């Protein structure tokens, strides 16, 4: 792997097609393995700690040999320290999107890069500002089906791009994998 001469084999522990696309944009070849973990927040768990814990647990759930590098990540949306997970139904998606409309929220991605038994865990936070949204706009977005498997009920790279007034920080973090920071960790391997 040209920019990462110390990495011969790479695994992405994620079912997210967005993460796979982002990782592929670094020119890397990798295998995808999907971890099976409980993604429930613990009582009183802070958003950053939650995202980092899930990334580490996903990385630990996949067996690899000592030379393989594995990347796992978990992206969450928070507003006033409340974690907005994936909506359970359309009403939940409407509630989430309404709570974000016209306000600033935070997207945190916890990342774990692992080689053998060595884990490097970090997180990146990006502020996202939504413009004011009408009920009709929110319902139309939900009707398209896009929010149902997304944290916070939206995808910045998709049909929700018109809702985002500004971001402060990493765009790729909001999509699901902070590439700049990940690149630095992979180079360190």
Foldseek 3Di string as FASTA:
>chain_A
DVLQVQADAEEEADPDPLVVVVVVVVVDDYHYHHFDDDLDDDVPDFPQNSFQVVQVVSVVRDDDAQRYKYKGKDKWKDDPRDTFAAAPDLVSLLVLVQVQEQAKIKMKMWMWIDHHPDIDIDMDIKIWHFYHDDSVRSVVLVVVVAQRHGHSRDACVPPCVNGTPDMGDAPSVSNPDRVVVVSVVSNVD
